[in-house]
Protein backbone atom coordinates (compact mmCIF):
# COMPACT_ATOMS: atom_id res chain seq x y z
CA MET A 1 -99.17 176.04 -58.79
CA VAL A 2 -98.78 175.54 -62.52
CA GLN A 3 -99.03 171.87 -63.46
CA SER A 4 -98.82 172.29 -67.22
CA PHE A 5 -97.92 174.92 -69.78
CA ARG A 6 -101.63 174.85 -70.65
CA ASP A 7 -102.31 176.49 -67.27
CA LEU A 8 -100.20 179.53 -68.15
CA HIS A 9 -102.33 182.50 -69.22
CA VAL A 10 -99.46 183.76 -71.36
CA TRP A 11 -99.44 180.48 -73.29
CA GLN A 12 -103.23 180.64 -73.75
CA ARG A 13 -103.02 184.21 -75.06
CA SER A 14 -100.13 183.31 -77.36
CA ILE A 15 -102.29 180.56 -78.89
CA GLN A 16 -105.02 183.15 -79.49
CA LEU A 17 -102.38 185.40 -81.07
CA THR A 18 -101.26 182.61 -83.39
CA VAL A 19 -104.80 181.80 -84.51
CA SER A 20 -105.54 185.48 -85.17
CA LEU A 21 -102.36 185.79 -87.26
CA TYR A 22 -103.19 182.73 -89.32
CA ARG A 23 -106.53 184.35 -90.10
CA LEU A 24 -104.92 187.72 -90.82
CA THR A 25 -102.35 186.30 -93.22
CA GLN A 26 -105.03 184.48 -95.23
CA GLY A 27 -105.78 187.89 -96.73
CA PHE A 28 -102.19 188.56 -97.78
CA PRO A 29 -101.27 188.50 -101.48
CA ARG A 30 -100.89 184.99 -102.90
CA GLU A 31 -97.21 185.57 -103.72
CA GLU A 32 -96.54 186.02 -99.99
CA VAL A 33 -97.50 182.44 -99.10
CA TYR A 34 -93.82 181.52 -98.85
CA GLY A 35 -92.68 185.01 -97.85
CA LEU A 36 -93.92 187.35 -95.17
CA SER A 37 -97.09 185.35 -94.50
CA SER A 38 -95.08 182.24 -93.71
CA GLN A 39 -92.59 184.18 -91.60
CA ILE A 40 -95.35 185.78 -89.50
CA ARG A 41 -96.92 182.40 -88.88
CA ARG A 42 -93.60 180.81 -87.89
CA SER A 43 -92.83 183.64 -85.49
CA ALA A 44 -96.23 183.38 -83.84
CA VAL A 45 -95.98 179.61 -83.48
CA SER A 46 -92.51 180.06 -82.00
CA VAL A 47 -93.86 182.27 -79.20
CA ALA A 48 -96.34 179.68 -77.93
CA SER A 49 -94.00 176.76 -78.58
CA ASN A 50 -91.09 178.23 -76.62
CA ILE A 51 -93.31 179.07 -73.67
CA ALA A 52 -94.51 175.45 -73.61
CA GLU A 53 -91.07 173.95 -74.08
CA GLY A 54 -89.54 176.16 -71.42
CA GLN A 55 -92.21 175.27 -68.87
CA GLY A 56 -91.41 171.62 -69.50
CA ARG A 57 -87.71 172.05 -68.71
CA LEU A 58 -86.21 171.01 -65.40
CA THR A 59 -84.84 174.30 -64.10
CA THR A 60 -86.06 177.85 -63.72
CA GLY A 61 -82.98 179.02 -65.62
CA GLU A 62 -83.95 176.91 -68.62
CA PHE A 63 -87.52 178.19 -68.44
CA ARG A 64 -86.25 181.78 -68.40
CA GLN A 65 -84.04 181.05 -71.40
CA PHE A 66 -86.99 179.76 -73.43
CA LEU A 67 -89.12 182.71 -72.34
CA GLY A 68 -86.34 184.92 -73.69
CA VAL A 69 -86.55 183.14 -77.03
CA ALA A 70 -90.35 183.55 -77.01
CA ARG A 71 -89.90 187.25 -76.27
CA GLY A 72 -87.49 187.58 -79.19
CA SER A 73 -89.91 185.81 -81.53
CA ASN A 74 -92.64 188.19 -80.40
CA PHE A 75 -90.46 191.20 -81.25
CA GLU A 76 -89.70 189.61 -84.60
CA LEU A 77 -93.44 189.22 -85.16
CA GLN A 78 -94.07 192.89 -84.35
CA THR A 79 -91.45 193.87 -86.91
CA GLN A 80 -93.07 191.68 -89.55
CA LEU A 81 -96.49 193.18 -88.81
CA GLU A 82 -95.02 196.64 -89.33
CA ILE A 83 -93.64 195.54 -92.70
CA ALA A 84 -97.05 194.14 -93.67
CA ARG A 85 -98.71 197.41 -92.62
CA THR A 86 -96.21 199.49 -94.63
CA LEU A 87 -96.75 197.31 -97.71
CA GLY A 88 -100.54 197.60 -97.32
CA PHE A 89 -101.10 193.84 -97.20
CA GLU A 90 -104.14 193.98 -94.95
CA ASN A 91 -106.60 196.38 -93.40
CA PRO A 92 -104.56 198.59 -90.99
CA LYS A 93 -107.16 198.05 -88.26
CA SER A 94 -106.67 194.27 -88.46
CA ILE A 95 -102.92 194.68 -88.17
CA ASP A 96 -103.38 197.08 -85.23
CA GLU A 97 -105.49 194.47 -83.43
CA ALA A 98 -102.89 191.75 -84.00
CA GLU A 99 -100.13 194.09 -82.88
CA SER A 100 -102.07 194.98 -79.73
CA LEU A 101 -102.43 191.30 -78.85
CA SER A 102 -98.71 190.81 -79.50
CA HIS A 103 -97.91 193.67 -77.11
CA GLU A 104 -100.16 192.10 -74.49
CA VAL A 105 -98.37 188.75 -74.83
CA GLY A 106 -95.05 190.58 -74.62
CA LYS A 107 -96.02 192.22 -71.34
CA MET A 108 -97.13 188.86 -69.98
CA ILE A 109 -93.83 187.23 -70.94
CA TYR A 110 -91.91 190.07 -69.28
CA ALA A 111 -94.00 189.78 -66.10
CA LEU A 112 -93.40 186.03 -65.98
CA LEU A 113 -89.67 186.54 -66.48
CA GLU A 114 -89.64 189.06 -63.63
CA SER A 115 -91.56 186.71 -61.32
CA LEU A 116 -89.01 183.96 -61.98
CA LYS A 117 -86.13 186.19 -60.82
CA LYS A 118 -87.30 185.81 -57.24
């Protein structure tokens, strides 16, 4: 039984995703500090934050709603990574690794949503 959002593997992985994206965006052009770099960071933080907030809610329906928001933020993040790749902001391999982790988190969110249907 999950006692805390910290016990959720999806939350733990989303924290790892966020940290990796903070490191990735450090290499972005300086003029992107308030642009794409900031947006990527906000999206990543939103994934982990919404998982945590949802787990703290009182009903399964509320938890599912917040997981849906986290899922949307993760898709937003994947879009932003594609833009960064297209603009050549970072080594493509680094972006591929971040994107792979984002896909993993996305699958975990989906699995958790499915398990809460029952």
